[in-house]
């Protein structure tokens, strides 16, 4: 059960960063950015309002969160003796 939980957690974490097209196609961010995910908000800030520095800072934060989640998953597997 632990292995299944780990795989599902990894897929959910990476899936969160892939919801841009769904949000953008359905609602375009909605009023006052209420229905946006972090990635779609980053795209809106970077390309619509042309605040490139802030948009890239959000991209770095998204990368760091993803990298930390991957590292935690890798270290968790390593402690349990599972190297994958």
N, C-alpha and C. Protein backbone atom coordinates (compact mmCIF):
# COMPACT_ATOMS: atom_id res chain seq x y z
N UNK A 1 0.82 -1.18 0.00
CA UNK A 1 0.00 0.00 0.00
C UNK A 1 0.87 1.27 0.00
N UNK A 2 2.01 1.18 0.65
CA UNK A 2 2.91 2.34 0.72
C UNK A 2 3.40 2.74 -0.66
N UNK A 3 3.74 1.73 -1.48
CA UNK A 3 4.24 2.02 -2.82
C UNK A 3 3.15 2.67 -3.68
N UNK A 4 1.94 2.20 -3.58
CA UNK A 4 0.83 2.78 -4.34
C UNK A 4 0.59 4.22 -3.90
N UNK A 5 0.62 4.46 -2.61
CA UNK A 5 0.42 5.81 -2.10
C UNK A 5 1.52 6.75 -2.59
N UNK A 6 2.75 6.27 -2.63
CA UNK A 6 3.86 7.09 -3.11
C UNK A 6 3.72 7.43 -4.58
N UNK A 7 3.31 6.46 -5.38
CA UNK A 7 3.15 6.71 -6.82
C UNK A 7 2.02 7.69 -7.07
N UNK A 8 0.91 7.51 -6.38
CA UNK A 8 -0.23 8.41 -6.56
C UNK A 8 0.13 9.82 -6.11
N UNK A 9 0.86 9.95 -5.03
CA UNK A 9 1.28 11.27 -4.56
C UNK A 9 2.17 11.95 -5.59
N UNK A 10 3.10 11.22 -6.15
CA UNK A 10 3.97 11.79 -7.18
C UNK A 10 3.20 12.24 -8.40
N UNK A 11 2.23 11.43 -8.83
CA UNK A 11 1.42 11.81 -9.99
C UNK A 11 0.55 13.03 -9.71
N UNK A 12 0.03 13.13 -8.51
CA UNK A 12 -0.81 14.29 -8.16
C UNK A 12 0.03 15.56 -8.12
N UNK A 13 1.21 15.48 -7.53
CA UNK A 13 2.07 16.67 -7.44
C UNK A 13 2.47 17.15 -8.84
N UNK A 14 2.84 16.24 -9.72
CA UNK A 14 3.20 16.67 -11.07
C UNK A 14 1.97 17.07 -11.88
N UNK A 15 0.83 16.48 -11.60
CA UNK A 15 -0.40 16.84 -12.31
C UNK A 15 -0.89 18.23 -11.97
N UNK A 16 -0.60 18.69 -10.77
CA UNK A 16 -1.02 20.03 -10.35
C UNK A 16 -0.39 21.09 -11.25
N UNK A 17 0.82 20.84 -11.70
CA UNK A 17 1.50 21.82 -12.53
C UNK A 17 1.10 21.74 -14.00
N UNK A 18 0.24 20.78 -14.35
CA UNK A 18 -0.16 20.62 -15.74
C UNK A 18 -1.61 21.03 -15.99
N UNK A 19 -2.20 21.84 -15.16
CA UNK A 19 -3.60 22.21 -15.31
C UNK A 19 -3.79 23.52 -16.05
N UNK A 20 -2.73 24.05 -16.62
CA UNK A 20 -2.82 25.34 -17.29
C UNK A 20 -3.88 25.33 -18.39
N UNK A 21 -3.80 24.36 -19.31
CA UNK A 21 -4.70 24.37 -20.45
C UNK A 21 -6.15 24.19 -20.04
N UNK A 22 -6.41 23.44 -18.99
CA UNK A 22 -7.78 23.25 -18.52
C UNK A 22 -8.37 24.55 -17.99
N UNK A 23 -7.64 25.23 -17.14
CA UNK A 23 -8.11 26.50 -16.57
C UNK A 23 -8.23 27.56 -17.66
N UNK A 24 -7.25 27.64 -18.52
CA UNK A 24 -7.25 28.67 -19.55
C UNK A 24 -8.38 28.46 -20.55
N UNK A 25 -8.64 27.22 -20.94
CA UNK A 25 -9.69 26.94 -21.92
C UNK A 25 -11.09 27.11 -21.35
N UNK A 26 -11.29 26.72 -20.10
CA UNK A 26 -12.63 26.75 -19.54
C UNK A 26 -13.04 28.14 -19.06
N UNK A 27 -12.22 28.78 -18.25
CA UNK A 27 -12.63 30.05 -17.64
C UNK A 27 -11.67 31.20 -17.88
N UNK A 28 -10.49 30.92 -18.40
CA UNK A 28 -9.53 31.99 -18.64
C UNK A 28 -9.07 32.66 -17.36
N UNK A 29 -9.15 31.98 -16.25
CA UNK A 29 -8.72 32.55 -14.97
C UNK A 29 -9.86 33.07 -14.13
N UNK A 30 -10.97 33.34 -14.75
CA UNK A 30 -12.13 33.81 -14.00
C UNK A 30 -11.97 35.23 -13.52
N UNK A 31 -12.99 35.73 -12.86
CA UNK A 31 -12.90 37.11 -12.34
C UNK A 31 -11.89 37.19 -11.18
N UNK A 32 -11.05 38.15 -11.25
CA UNK A 32 -10.04 38.43 -10.22
C UNK A 32 -9.13 37.25 -9.94
N UNK A 33 -8.89 36.40 -10.93
CA UNK A 33 -7.98 35.25 -10.83
C UNK A 33 -8.42 34.25 -9.76
N UNK A 34 -9.71 34.13 -9.50
CA UNK A 34 -10.19 33.25 -8.43
C UNK A 34 -10.12 31.77 -8.78
N UNK A 35 -10.17 31.42 -10.06
CA UNK A 35 -10.15 30.00 -10.42
C UNK A 35 -8.86 29.59 -11.09
N UNK A 36 -7.78 30.31 -10.85
CA UNK A 36 -6.50 30.01 -11.48
C UNK A 36 -5.65 29.12 -10.59
N UNK A 37 -4.84 28.31 -11.25
CA UNK A 37 -3.79 27.57 -10.56
C UNK A 37 -2.51 28.42 -10.63
N UNK A 38 -1.48 27.97 -9.96
CA UNK A 38 -0.25 28.76 -9.92
C UNK A 38 0.36 28.92 -11.31
N UNK A 39 0.30 27.87 -12.11
CA UNK A 39 0.92 27.93 -13.44
C UNK A 39 0.16 28.87 -14.37
N UNK A 40 -1.17 28.84 -14.33
CA UNK A 40 -1.93 29.75 -15.19
C UNK A 40 -1.80 31.20 -14.70
N UNK A 41 -1.69 31.39 -13.39
CA UNK A 41 -1.46 32.73 -12.86
C UNK A 41 -0.09 33.25 -13.31
N UNK A 42 0.90 32.36 -13.30
CA UNK A 42 2.23 32.73 -13.75
C UNK A 42 2.21 33.17 -15.22
N UNK A 43 1.49 32.43 -16.05
CA UNK A 43 1.38 32.78 -17.47
C UNK A 43 0.69 34.12 -17.65
N UNK A 44 -0.37 34.35 -16.92
CA UNK A 44 -1.10 35.62 -17.02
C UNK A 44 -0.23 36.80 -16.60
N UNK A 45 0.45 36.65 -15.49
CA UNK A 45 1.31 37.74 -15.01
C UNK A 45 2.45 38.01 -16.00
N UNK A 46 3.05 36.95 -16.52
CA UNK A 46 4.21 37.12 -17.39
C UNK A 46 3.84 37.72 -18.74
N UNK A 47 2.81 37.19 -19.38
CA UNK A 47 2.55 37.57 -20.77
C UNK A 47 1.42 38.58 -20.94
N UNK A 48 0.48 38.65 -20.03
CA UNK A 48 -0.60 39.63 -20.17
C UNK A 48 -0.21 40.98 -19.60
N UNK A 49 0.32 40.97 -18.38
CA UNK A 49 0.69 42.24 -17.75
C UNK A 49 2.16 42.60 -17.99
N UNK A 50 2.91 41.70 -18.63
CA UNK A 50 4.32 41.90 -18.98
C UNK A 50 5.20 42.20 -17.77
N UNK A 51 4.91 41.53 -16.66
CA UNK A 51 5.77 41.61 -15.48
C UNK A 51 6.66 40.37 -15.48
N UNK A 52 7.70 40.42 -16.30
CA UNK A 52 8.52 39.25 -16.55
C UNK A 52 9.30 38.79 -15.31
N UNK A 53 9.77 39.69 -14.51
CA UNK A 53 10.52 39.31 -13.31
C UNK A 53 9.66 38.55 -12.32
N UNK A 54 8.47 39.06 -12.07
CA UNK A 54 7.55 38.41 -11.14
C UNK A 54 7.10 37.06 -11.68
N UNK A 55 6.83 37.00 -12.97
CA UNK A 55 6.42 35.74 -13.59
C UNK A 55 7.51 34.69 -13.51
N UNK A 56 8.74 35.09 -13.74
CA UNK A 56 9.85 34.14 -13.66
C UNK A 56 10.11 33.72 -12.21
N UNK A 57 9.88 34.63 -11.27
CA UNK A 57 10.01 34.26 -9.86
C UNK A 57 8.98 33.19 -9.49
N UNK A 58 7.76 33.32 -10.02
CA UNK A 58 6.74 32.29 -9.79
C UNK A 58 7.14 30.97 -10.44
N UNK A 59 7.78 31.03 -11.61
CA UNK A 59 8.25 29.82 -12.27
C UNK A 59 9.32 29.13 -11.44
N UNK A 60 10.20 29.90 -10.84
CA UNK A 60 11.24 29.32 -9.98
C UNK A 60 10.61 28.67 -8.76
N UNK A 61 9.62 29.31 -8.17
CA UNK A 61 8.93 28.72 -7.02
C UNK A 61 8.26 27.41 -7.41
N UNK A 62 7.60 27.38 -8.57
CA UNK A 62 6.97 26.14 -9.04
C UNK A 62 8.01 25.05 -9.25
N UNK A 63 9.17 25.40 -9.80
CA UNK A 63 10.24 24.43 -10.00
C UNK A 63 10.76 23.90 -8.67
N UNK A 64 10.98 24.79 -7.71
CA UNK A 64 11.50 24.38 -6.41
C UNK A 64 10.52 23.45 -5.69
N UNK A 65 9.24 23.77 -5.75
CA UNK A 65 8.23 22.91 -5.12
C UNK A 65 8.24 21.52 -5.76
N UNK A 66 8.28 21.48 -7.07
CA UNK A 66 8.33 20.20 -7.77
C UNK A 66 9.60 19.42 -7.46
N UNK A 67 10.73 20.11 -7.42
CA UNK A 67 12.00 19.46 -7.12
C UNK A 67 12.02 18.94 -5.68
N UNK A 68 11.49 19.70 -4.74
CA UNK A 68 11.44 19.24 -3.35
C UNK A 68 10.53 18.02 -3.20
N UNK A 69 9.40 18.04 -3.90
CA UNK A 69 8.49 16.89 -3.83
C UNK A 69 9.16 15.65 -4.43
N UNK A 70 9.88 15.81 -5.53
CA UNK A 70 10.58 14.68 -6.13
C UNK A 70 11.70 14.18 -5.23
N UNK A 71 12.43 15.09 -4.63
CA UNK A 71 13.53 14.70 -3.73
C UNK A 71 12.98 13.98 -2.50
N UNK A 72 11.88 14.46 -1.96
CA UNK A 72 11.28 13.80 -0.80
C UNK A 72 10.83 12.39 -1.16
N UNK A 73 10.27 12.24 -2.33
CA UNK A 73 9.84 10.91 -2.79
C UNK A 73 11.05 10.00 -2.97
N UNK A 74 12.11 10.50 -3.57
CA UNK A 74 13.32 9.71 -3.78
C UNK A 74 13.95 9.30 -2.46
N UNK A 75 14.06 10.25 -1.52
CA UNK A 75 14.65 9.93 -0.22
C UNK A 75 13.78 8.97 0.58
N UNK A 76 12.47 9.10 0.45
CA UNK A 76 11.57 8.17 1.12
C UNK A 76 11.74 6.75 0.60
N UNK A 77 11.90 6.61 -0.70
CA UNK A 77 12.14 5.29 -1.28
C UNK A 77 13.49 4.73 -0.86
N UNK A 78 14.47 5.59 -0.78
CA UNK A 78 15.81 5.15 -0.42
C UNK A 78 15.87 4.65 1.03
N UNK A 79 15.15 5.30 1.93
CA UNK A 79 15.12 4.88 3.31
C UNK A 79 14.44 3.53 3.49
N UNK A 80 13.46 3.26 2.63
CA UNK A 80 12.73 1.99 2.73
C UNK A 80 13.45 0.88 1.97
N UNK A 81 14.58 1.16 1.37
CA UNK A 81 15.32 0.16 0.65
C UNK A 81 14.86 -0.02 -0.79
N UNK A 82 13.98 0.83 -1.25
CA UNK A 82 13.48 0.77 -2.61
C UNK A 82 14.22 1.81 -3.43
N UNK A 83 15.01 1.41 -4.38
CA UNK A 83 15.70 2.37 -5.24
C UNK A 83 15.10 2.25 -6.63
N UNK A 84 14.32 3.26 -7.02
CA UNK A 84 13.66 3.26 -8.33
C UNK A 84 13.85 4.58 -8.99
